[in-house]
PDB file of N, CA and C in Angstrom:
ATOM      1  N   UNK A   1       0.853  -1.187   0.000  1.00  0.00           N
ATOM      2  CA  UNK A   1       0.000   0.000   0.000  1.00  0.00           C
ATOM      3  C   UNK A   1       0.888   1.236   0.000  1.00  0.00           C
ATOM      4  N   UNK A   2       0.476   2.203  -0.735  1.00  0.00           N
ATOM      5  CA  UNK A   2       1.185   3.459  -0.812  1.00  0.00           C
ATOM      6  C   UNK A   2       0.709   4.365   0.329  1.00  0.00           C
ATOM      7  N   UNK A   3       1.643   4.908   1.071  1.00  0.00           N
ATOM      8  CA  UNK A   3       1.284   5.824   2.167  1.00  0.00           C
ATOM      9  C   UNK A   3       0.482   7.006   1.646  1.00  0.00           C
ATOM     10  N   UNK A   4       0.773   7.413   0.413  1.00  0.00           N
ATOM     11  CA  UNK A   4       0.065   8.547  -0.175  1.00  0.00           C
ATOM     12  C   UNK A   4      -1.423   8.263  -0.352  1.00  0.00           C
ATOM     13  N   UNK A   5      -1.766   6.998  -0.595  1.00  0.00           N
ATOM     14  CA  UNK A   5      -3.178   6.633  -0.754  1.00  0.00           C
ATOM     15  C   UNK A   5      -3.916   6.889   0.556  1.00  0.00           C
ATOM     16  N   UNK A   6      -3.331   6.448   1.661  1.00  0.00           N
ATOM     17  CA  UNK A   6      -3.963   6.650   2.959  1.00  0.00           C
ATOM     18  C   UNK A   6      -4.123   8.138   3.248  1.00  0.00           C
ATOM     19  N   UNK A   7      -3.082   8.900   3.022  1.00  0.00           N
ATOM     20  CA  UNK A   7      -3.153  10.336   3.276  1.00  0.00           C
ATOM     21  C   UNK A   7      -4.126  11.024   2.320  1.00  0.00           C
ATOM     22  N   UNK A   8      -4.081  10.640   1.051  1.00  0.00           N
ATOM     23  CA  UNK A   8      -4.916  11.286   0.052  1.00  0.00           C
ATOM     24  C   UNK A   8      -6.402  11.013   0.206  1.00  0.00           C
ATOM     25  N   UNK A   9      -6.726   9.836   0.685  1.00  0.00           N
ATOM     26  CA  UNK A   9      -8.131   9.452   0.839  1.00  0.00           C
ATOM     27  C   UNK A   9      -8.561   9.440   2.311  1.00  0.00           C
ATOM     28  N   UNK A  10      -7.788  10.086   3.155  1.00  0.00           N
ATOM     29  CA  UNK A  10      -8.039  10.020   4.593  1.00  0.00           C
ATOM     30  C   UNK A  10      -9.450  10.451   4.969  1.00  0.00           C
ATOM     31  N   UNK A  11      -9.950  11.496   4.358  1.00  0.00           N
ATOM     32  CA  UNK A  11     -11.288  11.973   4.729  1.00  0.00           C
ATOM     33  C   UNK A  11     -12.336  10.901   4.468  1.00  0.00           C
ATOM     34  N   UNK A  12     -12.188  10.159   3.377  1.00  0.00           N
ATOM     35  CA  UNK A  12     -13.115   9.074   3.086  1.00  0.00           C
ATOM     36  C   UNK A  12     -12.871   7.885   4.010  1.00  0.00           C
ATOM     37  N   UNK A  13     -11.611   7.541   4.174  1.00  0.00           N
ATOM     38  CA  UNK A  13     -11.245   6.373   4.972  1.00  0.00           C
ATOM     39  C   UNK A  13     -11.549   6.592   6.445  1.00  0.00           C
ATOM     40  N   UNK A  14     -11.419   7.823   6.910  1.00  0.00           N
ATOM     41  CA  UNK A  14     -11.630   8.149   8.330  1.00  0.00           C
ATOM     42  C   UNK A  14     -12.987   7.661   8.822  1.00  0.00           C
ATOM     43  N   UNK A  15     -14.026   7.886   8.039  1.00  0.00           N
ATOM     44  CA  UNK A  15     -15.357   7.445   8.426  1.00  0.00           C
ATOM     45  C   UNK A  15     -15.450   5.933   8.529  1.00  0.00           C
ATOM     46  N   UNK A  16     -14.809   5.250   7.614  1.00  0.00           N
ATOM     47  CA  UNK A  16     -14.803   3.787   7.647  1.00  0.00           C
ATOM     48  C   UNK A  16     -13.976   3.265   8.824  1.00  0.00           C
ATOM     49  N   UNK A  17     -12.927   3.966   9.161  1.00  0.00           N
ATOM     50  CA  UNK A  17     -12.028   3.513  10.228  1.00  0.00           C
ATOM     51  C   UNK A  17     -12.761   3.318  11.550  1.00  0.00           C
ATOM     52  N   UNK A  18     -13.766   4.151  11.808  1.00  0.00           N
ATOM     53  CA  UNK A  18     -14.541   3.990  13.047  1.00  0.00           C
ATOM     54  C   UNK A  18     -15.287   2.660  13.064  1.00  0.00           C
ATOM     55  N   UNK A  19     -15.777   2.221  11.898  1.00  0.00           N
ATOM     56  CA  UNK A  19     -16.471   0.932  11.865  1.00  0.00           C
ATOM     57  C   UNK A  19     -15.472  -0.228  11.886  1.00  0.00           C
ATOM     58  N   UNK A  20     -14.294  -0.031  11.298  1.00  0.00           N
ATOM     59  CA  UNK A  20     -13.277  -1.081  11.309  1.00  0.00           C
ATOM     60  C   UNK A  20     -12.709  -1.287  12.703  1.00  0.00           C
ATOM     61  N   UNK A  21     -12.448  -0.186  13.380  1.00  0.00           N
ATOM     62  CA  UNK A  21     -11.807  -0.230  14.696  1.00  0.00           C
ATOM     63  C   UNK A  21     -12.636   0.611  15.664  1.00  0.00           C
ATOM     64  N   UNK A  22     -13.647   0.008  16.235  1.00  0.00           N
ATOM     65  CA  UNK A  22     -14.600   0.705  17.092  1.00  0.00           C
ATOM     66  C   UNK A  22     -14.019   1.335  18.341  1.00  0.00           C
ATOM     67  N   UNK A  23     -12.851   0.881  18.760  1.00  0.00           N
ATOM     68  CA  UNK A  23     -12.238   1.450  19.964  1.00  0.00           C
ATOM     69  C   UNK A  23     -11.565   2.795  19.707  1.00  0.00           C
ATOM     70  N   UNK A  24     -11.419   3.165  18.441  1.00  0.00           N
ATOM     71  CA  UNK A  24     -10.762   4.436  18.137  1.00  0.00           C
ATOM     72  C   UNK A  24     -11.730   5.592  18.360  1.00  0.00           C
ATOM     73  N   UNK A  25     -11.215   6.636  18.948  1.00  0.00           N
ATOM     74  CA  UNK A  25     -12.010   7.836  19.208  1.00  0.00           C
ATOM     75  C   UNK A  25     -11.771   8.853  18.089  1.00  0.00           C
ATOM     76  N   UNK A  26     -12.605   9.885  18.066  1.00  0.00           N
ATOM     77  CA  UNK A  26     -12.383  10.966  17.100  1.00  0.00           C
ATOM     78  C   UNK A  26     -11.017  11.600  17.319  1.00  0.00           C
ATOM     79  N   UNK A  27     -10.612  11.725  18.572  1.00  0.00           N
ATOM     80  CA  UNK A  27      -9.290  12.293  18.862  1.00  0.00           C
ATOM     81  C   UNK A  27      -8.181  11.412  18.283  1.00  0.00           C
ATOM     82  N   UNK A  28      -8.354  10.076  18.395  1.00  0.00           N
ATOM     83  CA  UNK A  28      -7.368   9.158  17.818  1.00  0.00           C
ATOM     84  C   UNK A  28      -7.256   9.363  16.314  1.00  0.00           C
ATOM     85  N   UNK A  29      -8.405   9.483  15.663  1.00  0.00           N
ATOM     86  CA  UNK A  29      -8.416   9.643  14.212  1.00  0.00           C
ATOM     87  C   UNK A  29      -7.880  11.003  13.796  1.00  0.00           C
ATOM     88  N   UNK A  30      -8.166  12.033  14.580  1.00  0.00           N
ATOM     89  CA  UNK A  30      -7.606  13.360  14.312  1.00  0.00           C
ATOM     90  C   UNK A  30      -6.083  13.315  14.426  1.00  0.00           C
ATOM     91  N   UNK A  31      -5.619  12.621  15.449  1.00  0.00           N
ATOM     92  CA  UNK A  31      -4.176  12.514  15.676  1.00  0.00           C
ATOM     93  C   UNK A  31      -3.502  11.753  14.529  1.00  0.00           C
ATOM     94  N   UNK A  32      -4.148  10.702  14.036  1.00  0.00           N
ATOM     95  CA  UNK A  32      -3.571   9.899  12.951  1.00  0.00           C
ATOM     96  C   UNK A  32      -3.479  10.706  11.658  1.00  0.00           C
ATOM     97  N   UNK A  33      -4.522  11.454  11.341  1.00  0.00           N
ATOM     98  CA  UNK A  33      -4.555  12.355  10.176  1.00  0.00           C
ATOM     99  C   UNK A  33      -3.999  11.715   8.906  1.00  0.00           C
ATOM    100  N   UNK A  34      -4.257  10.420   8.703  1.00  0.00           N
ATOM    101  CA  UNK A  34      -3.831   9.753   7.486  1.00  0.00           C
ATOM    102  C   UNK A  34      -2.396   9.280   7.475  1.00  0.00           C
ATOM    103  N   UNK A  35      -1.713   9.413   8.568  1.00  0.00           N
ATOM    104  CA  UNK A  35      -0.314   8.984   8.660  1.00  0.00           C
ATOM    105  C   UNK A  35      -0.284   7.541   9.162  1.00  0.00           C
ATOM    106  N   UNK A  36       0.254   6.633   8.340  1.00  0.00           N
ATOM    107  CA  UNK A  36       0.235   5.215   8.669  1.00  0.00           C
ATOM    108  C   UNK A  36       0.982   4.918   9.967  1.00  0.00           C
ATOM    109  N   UNK A  37       2.109   5.584  10.199  1.00  0.00           N
ATOM    110  CA  UNK A  37       2.883   5.322  11.413  1.00  0.00           C
ATOM    111  C   UNK A  37       2.113   5.718  12.667  1.00  0.00           C
ATOM    112  N   UNK A  38       1.421   6.842  12.592  1.00  0.00           N
ATOM    113  CA  UNK A  38       0.650   7.309  13.746  1.00  0.00           C
ATOM    114  C   UNK A  38      -0.556   6.403  13.967  1.00  0.00           C
ATOM    115  N   UNK A  39      -1.251   6.056  12.886  1.00  0.00           N
ATOM    116  CA  UNK A  39      -2.411   5.175  13.002  1.00  0.00           C
ATOM    117  C   UNK A  39      -2.002   3.809  13.552  1.00  0.00           C
ATOM    118  N   UNK A  40      -0.879   3.289  13.103  1.00  0.00           N
ATOM    119  CA  UNK A  40      -0.380   2.006  13.627  1.00  0.00           C
ATOM    120  C   UNK A  40      -0.116   2.116  15.124  1.00  0.00           C
ATOM    121  N   UNK A  41       0.453   3.226  15.563  1.00  0.00           N
ATOM    122  CA  UNK A  41       0.703   3.433  16.989  1.00  0.00           C
ATOM    123  C   UNK A  41      -0.585   3.476  17.794  1.00  0.00           C
ATOM    124  N   UNK A  42      -1.601   4.121  17.247  1.00  0.00           N
ATOM    125  CA  UNK A  42      -2.894   4.204  17.922  1.00  0.00           C
ATOM    126  C   UNK A  42      -3.515   2.806  18.030  1.00  0.00           C
ATOM    127  N   UNK A  43      -3.429   2.029  16.948  1.00  0.00           N
ATOM    128  CA  UNK A  43      -3.958   0.662  16.999  1.00  0.00           C
ATOM    129  C   UNK A  43      -3.202  -0.191  18.021  1.00  0.00           C
ATOM    130  N   UNK A  44      -1.909   0.033  18.129  1.00  0.00           N
ATOM    131  CA  UNK A  44      -1.128  -0.675  19.145  1.00  0.00           C
ATOM    132  C   UNK A  44      -1.637  -0.336  20.542  1.00  0.00           C
ATOM    133  N   UNK A  45      -1.893   0.943  20.777  1.00  0.00           N
ATOM    134  CA  UNK A  45      -2.370   1.382  22.090  1.00  0.00           C
ATOM    135  C   UNK A  45      -3.740   0.808  22.417  1.00  0.00           C
ATOM    136  N   UNK A  46      -4.663   0.922  21.469  1.00  0.00           N
ATOM    137  CA  UNK A  46      -6.059   0.541  21.726  1.00  0.00           C
ATOM    138  C   UNK A  46      -6.301  -0.961  21.703  1.00  0.00           C
ATOM    139  N   UNK A  47      -5.580  -1.664  20.826  1.00  0.00           N
ATOM    140  CA  UNK A  47      -5.855  -3.082  20.623  1.00  0.00           C
ATOM    141  C   UNK A  47      -4.727  -4.004  21.077  1.00  0.00           C
ATOM    142  N   UNK A  48      -3.582  -3.450  21.428  1.00  0.00           N
ATOM    143  CA  UNK A  48      -2.461  -4.274  21.859  1.00  0.00           C
ATOM    144  C   UNK A  48      -1.800  -5.011  20.699  1.00  0.00           C
ATOM    145  N   UNK A  49      -2.021  -4.521  19.471  1.00  0.00           N
ATOM    146  CA  UNK A  49      -1.402  -5.126  18.296  1.00  0.00           C
ATOM    147  C   UNK A  49       0.107  -4.905  18.336  1.00  0.00           C
ATOM    148  N   UNK A  50       0.850  -5.816  17.706  1.00  0.00           N
ATOM    149  CA  UNK A  50       2.265  -5.556  17.456  1.00  0.00           C
ATOM    150  C   UNK A  50       2.327  -4.518  16.334  1.00  0.00           C
ATOM    151  N   UNK A  51       3.455  -3.888  16.181  1.00  0.00           N
ATOM    152  CA  UNK A  51       3.618  -2.885  15.122  1.00  0.00           C
ATOM    153  C   UNK A  51       3.327  -3.506  13.752  1.00  0.00           C
ATOM    154  N   UNK A  52       3.893  -4.695  13.541  1.00  0.00           N
ATOM    155  CA  UNK A  52       3.724  -5.388  12.266  1.00  0.00           C
ATOM    156  C   UNK A  52       2.248  -5.708  12.014  1.00  0.00           C
ATOM    157  N   UNK A  53       1.555  -6.210  13.025  1.00  0.00           N
ATOM    158  CA  UNK A  53       0.141  -6.554  12.870  1.00  0.00           C
ATOM    159  C   UNK A  53      -0.681  -5.298  12.583  1.00  0.00           C
ATOM    160  N   UNK A  54      -0.386  -4.206  13.253  1.00  0.00           N
ATOM    161  CA  UNK A  54      -1.115  -2.958  13.037  1.00  0.00           C
ATOM    162  C   UNK A  54      -0.959  -2.478  11.594  1.00  0.00           C
ATOM    163  N   UNK A  55       0.256  -2.500  11.080  1.00  0.00           N
ATOM    164  CA  UNK A  55       0.507  -2.057   9.706  1.00  0.00           C
ATOM    165  C   UNK A  55      -0.188  -2.993   8.718  1.00  0.00           C
ATOM    166  N   UNK A  56      -0.118  -4.298   8.964  1.00  0.00           N
ATOM    167  CA  UNK A  56      -0.801  -5.261   8.091  1.00  0.00           C
ATOM    168  C   UNK A  56      -2.308  -5.017   8.083  1.00  0.00           C
ATOM    169  N   UNK A  57      -2.868  -4.741   9.247  1.00  0.00           N
ATOM    170  CA  UNK A  57      -4.303  -4.482   9.363  1.00  0.00           C
ATOM    171  C   UNK A  57      -4.692  -3.231   8.580  1.00  0.00           C
ATOM    172  N   UNK A  58      -3.903  -2.182   8.691  1.00  0.00           N
ATOM    173  CA  UNK A  58      -4.172  -0.943   7.960  1.00  0.00           C
ATOM    174  C   UNK A  58      -4.094  -1.205   6.459  1.00  0.00           C
ATOM    175  N   UNK A  59      -3.045  -1.875   6.025  1.00  0.00           N
ATOM    176  CA  UNK A  59      -2.878  -2.153   4.600  1.00  0.00           C
ATOM    177  C   UNK A  59      -4.036  -2.975   4.058  1.00  0.00           C
ATOM    178  N   UNK A  60      -4.457  -3.976   4.805  1.00  0.00           N
ATOM    179  CA  UNK A  60      -5.572  -4.824   4.385  1.00  0.00           C
ATOM    180  C   UNK A  60      -6.844  -4.000   4.225  1.00  0.00           C
ATOM    181  N   UNK A  61      -7.153  -3.182   5.222  1.00  0.00           N
ATOM    182  CA  UNK A  61      -8.383  -2.387   5.186  1.00  0.00           C
ATOM    183  C   UNK A  61      -8.368  -1.357   4.061  1.00  0.00           C
ATOM    184  N   UNK A  62      -7.238  -0.694   3.861  1.00  0.00           N
ATOM    185  CA  UNK A  62      -7.151   0.329   2.815  1.00  0.00           C
ATOM    186  C   UNK A  62      -7.241  -0.327   1.435  1.00  0.00           C
ATOM    187  N   UNK A  63      -6.619  -1.480   1.273  1.00  0.00           N
ATOM    188  CA  UNK A  63      -6.705  -2.204   0.007  1.00  0.00           C
ATOM    189  C   UNK A  63      -8.149  -2.594  -0.286  1.00  0.00           C
ATOM    190  N   UNK A  64      -8.864  -3.100   0.727  1.00  0.00           N
ATOM    191  CA  UNK A  64     -10.276  -3.459   0.556  1.00  0.00           C
ATOM    192  C   UNK A  64     -11.112  -2.220   0.238  1.00  0.00           C
ATOM    193  N   UNK A  65     -10.804  -1.117   0.907  1.00  0.00           N
ATOM    194  CA  UNK A  65     -11.523   0.132   0.670  1.00  0.00           C
ATOM    195  C   UNK A  65     -11.346   0.576  -0.779  1.00  0.00           C
ATOM    196  N   UNK A  66     -10.112   0.558  -1.256  1.00  0.00           N
ATOM    197  CA  UNK A  66      -9.831   0.967  -2.632  1.00  0.00           C
ATOM    198  C   UNK A  66     -10.512   0.050  -3.636  1.00  0.00           C
ATOM    199  N   UNK A  67     -10.506  -1.244  -3.375  1.00  0.00           N
ATOM    200  CA  UNK A  67     -11.170  -2.191  -4.268  1.00  0.00           C
ATOM    201  C   UNK A  67     -12.665  -1.885  -4.324  1.00  0.00           C
ATOM    202  N   UNK A  68     -13.241  -1.541  -3.198  1.00  0.00           N
ATOM    203  CA  UNK A  68     -14.653  -1.183  -3.156  1.00  0.00           C
ATOM    204  C   UNK A  68     -14.944   0.067  -3.969  1.00  0.00           C
ATOM    205  N   UNK A  69     -14.052   1.041  -3.914  1.00  0.00           N
ATOM    206  CA  UNK A  69     -14.231   2.257  -4.716  1.00  0.00           C
ATOM    207  C   UNK A  69     -14.151   1.942  -6.201  1.00  0.00           C
ATOM    208  N   UNK A  70     -13.212   1.097  -6.580  1.00  0.00           N
ATOM    209  CA  UNK A  70     -13.054   0.743  -7.987  1.00  0.00           C
ATOM    210  C   UNK A  70     -14.286  -0.002  -8.493  1.00  0.00           C
ATOM    211  N   UNK A  71     -14.842  -0.871  -7.655  1.00  0.00           N
ATOM    212  CA  UNK A  71     -16.033  -1.622  -8.053  1.00  0.00           C
ATOM    213  C   UNK A  71     -17.230  -0.698  -8.230  1.00  0.00           C
ATOM    214  N   UNK A  72     -17.342   0.322  -7.405  1.00  0.00           N
ATOM    215  CA  UNK A  72     -18.438   1.277  -7.525  1.00  0.00           C
ATOM    216  C   UNK A  72     -18.336   2.072  -8.822  1.00  0.00           C
ATOM    217  N   UNK A  73     -17.114   2.372  -9.230  1.00  0.00           N
ATOM    218  CA  UNK A  73     -16.898   3.198 -10.407  1.00  0.00           C
ATOM    219  C   UNK A  73     -16.837   2.399 -11.701  1.00  0.00           C
ATOM    220  N   UNK A  74     -16.797   1.068 -11.609  1.00  0.00           N
ATOM    221  CA  UNK A  74     -16.714   0.226 -12.808  1.00  0.00           C
ATOM    222  C   UNK A  74     -18.072   0.196 -13.496  1.00  0.00           C
ATOM    223  N   UNK A  75     -18.067   0.176 -14.809  1.00  0.00           N
ATOM    224  CA  UNK A  75     -19.347   0.091 -15.526  1.00  0.00           C
ATOM    225  C   UNK A  75     -20.015  -1.264 -15.261  1.00  0.00           C
ATOM    226  N   UNK A  76     -21.302  -1.258 -15.303  1.00  0.00           N
ATOM    227  CA  UNK A  76     -22.050  -2.504 -15.100  1.00  0.00           C
ATOM    228  C   UNK A  76     -21.754  -3.452 -16.248  1.00  0.00           C
ATOM    229  N   UNK A  77     -21.731  -4.762 -15.984  1.00  0.00           N
ATOM    230  CA  UNK A  77     -21.467  -5.727 -17.059  1.00  0.00           C
ATOM    231  C   UNK A  77     -22.449  -5.545 -18.208  1.00  0.00           C
ATOM    232  N   UNK A  78     -21.950  -5.645 -19.432  1.00  0.00           N
ATOM    233  CA  UNK A  78     -22.791  -5.542 -20.609  1.00  0.00           C
ATOM    234  C   UNK A  78     -23.053  -4.117 -21.050  1.00  0.00           C
ATOM    235  N   UNK A  79     -22.406  -3.145 -20.402  1.00  0.00           N
ATOM    236  CA  UNK A  79     -22.632  -1.739 -20.781  1.00  0.00           C
ATOM    237  C   UNK A  79     -21.363  -1.136 -21.320  1.00  0.00           C
TER     238      UNK A  79
END
């Protein structure tokens, strides 16, 4: 995952992040501000994840988010 994707789409991803990680507060998300290192640290604090697990979790979620956006923008089959 490109760090720029997280930063560039942060406003969209931020809303989803609350559903992905319910323990995160608005202050946590404000502090992360799309920075993968900061968000990983917050996940470590809230969930007790290792650094590696936190980064993997972020990458997985952002990749799924992007795939969902691409599917929404793809033309319907047969059109």
